[in-house]
Protein backbone atom coordinates (compact mmCIF):
# COMPACT_ATOMS: atom_id res chain seq x y z
CA MET A 1 118.24 195.61 94.56
CA GLN A 2 114.85 195.87 96.29
CA ASP A 3 114.19 199.31 94.74
CA LEU A 4 114.89 197.88 91.28
CA LEU A 5 112.56 194.91 91.77
CA THR A 6 109.84 197.13 93.22
CA ALA A 7 110.13 199.47 90.23
CA LEU A 8 109.86 196.54 87.82
CA ASN A 9 106.88 195.05 89.64
CA ASP A 10 104.28 197.27 87.97
CA PRO A 11 103.16 196.56 84.35
CA THR A 12 102.85 200.26 83.48
CA ARG A 13 106.37 200.96 84.72
CA ARG A 14 107.71 197.99 82.74
CA ALA A 15 105.95 199.28 79.63
CA ALA A 16 107.34 202.79 80.15
CA LEU A 17 110.80 201.37 80.71
CA ALA A 18 110.50 199.33 77.52
CA ILE A 19 109.78 202.56 75.64
CA VAL A 20 112.77 204.45 77.03
CA TRP A 21 114.98 201.36 76.65
CA ASP A 22 115.47 202.38 72.98
CA GLY A 23 118.00 204.98 74.14
CA GLY A 24 115.98 208.01 73.09
CA GLU A 25 114.30 210.72 75.10
CA HIS A 26 110.57 210.53 75.64
CA CYS A 27 108.29 213.17 77.11
CA VAL A 28 105.60 212.35 79.62
CA CYS A 29 102.97 213.30 77.03
CA GLU A 30 104.26 210.58 74.69
CA LEU A 31 104.32 207.99 77.46
CA MET A 32 100.78 209.00 78.47
CA ALA A 33 99.50 208.55 74.93
CA ARG A 34 101.27 205.26 74.29
CA LEU A 35 100.30 203.74 77.63
CA ASP A 36 96.83 205.30 77.92
CA ALA A 37 97.65 206.80 81.33
CA SER A 38 96.80 210.11 82.95
CA GLN A 39 99.49 212.71 83.50
CA SER A 40 99.50 212.28 87.27
CA ARG A 41 99.63 208.48 87.03
CA MET A 42 102.45 208.56 84.49
CA SER A 43 104.42 211.09 86.53
CA ARG A 44 104.13 208.91 89.64
CA HIS A 45 105.34 205.85 87.73
CA MET A 46 108.27 207.75 86.24
CA LYS A 47 109.20 209.05 89.69
CA VAL A 48 109.51 205.45 90.92
CA LEU A 49 111.70 204.56 87.93
CA ARG A 50 113.84 207.66 88.50
CA GLU A 51 114.23 206.98 92.23
CA ALA A 52 115.32 203.41 91.41
CA GLY A 53 118.03 204.92 89.19
CA LEU A 54 116.64 203.43 85.99
CA VAL A 55 115.84 206.67 84.18
CA THR A 56 116.94 210.28 84.28
CA ASP A 57 114.86 213.29 83.41
CA ARG A 58 115.37 216.80 82.17
CA ARG A 59 112.99 219.70 81.98
CA ASP A 60 112.42 221.20 78.53
CA ALA A 61 110.19 224.26 79.03
CA GLN A 62 106.89 222.80 80.25
CA TRP A 63 107.82 219.23 79.28
CA VAL A 64 109.75 216.64 81.23
CA ARG A 65 111.74 214.23 79.09
CA PHE A 66 112.94 210.84 80.29
CA ARG A 67 115.69 208.57 79.08
CA LEU A 68 117.51 205.49 80.26
CA ASN A 69 120.06 206.36 82.94
CA PRO A 70 123.44 206.27 81.14
CA LYS A 71 125.13 205.52 84.49
CA LEU A 72 122.99 202.44 85.14
CA ALA A 73 125.26 199.69 86.49
CA ALA A 74 125.82 196.74 84.17
CA GLU A 75 124.27 194.23 86.58
CA ARG A 76 121.12 196.34 86.96
CA ARG A 77 120.97 196.83 83.20
CA ALA A 78 121.17 193.03 82.80
CA VAL A 79 118.27 192.51 85.23
CA VAL A 80 116.12 195.04 83.38
CA ALA A 81 116.99 193.54 80.00
CA ALA A 82 116.05 190.07 81.26
CA VAL A 83 112.74 191.27 82.68
CA LEU A 84 111.84 193.14 79.49
CA ALA A 85 112.79 190.13 77.36
CA ALA A 86 110.66 187.85 79.53
CA GLU A 87 107.78 190.32 79.20
CA ARG A 88 108.04 190.26 75.39
CA ILE A 89 108.10 186.45 75.35
CA SER A 90 105.10 186.31 77.68
CA GLU A 91 103.15 188.72 75.46
CA ARG A 92 103.93 186.61 72.38
CA ASP A 93 102.78 183.44 74.14
CA VAL A 94 99.44 185.07 75.02
CA ALA A 95 98.85 186.35 71.49
């Protein structure tokens, strides 16, 4: 569980996870543009999410595409869903 909580601790990783949470595949270039992050920074963040088992990746020529790990355990999926929901509520309260 510690790896999951560590992965969710960073706002950029939570934002990236929120993007891939839609069930689609997203390339690093898209994540970079949407999150205003450099390629190296985004790659490091996605590596943490991958190592925590939250996302999987596949190489497509020069691109790396990420998606939600389809084998993510239900209890871990529930934790992520709760964190992302809390993040959305927090953002609405600030706005």
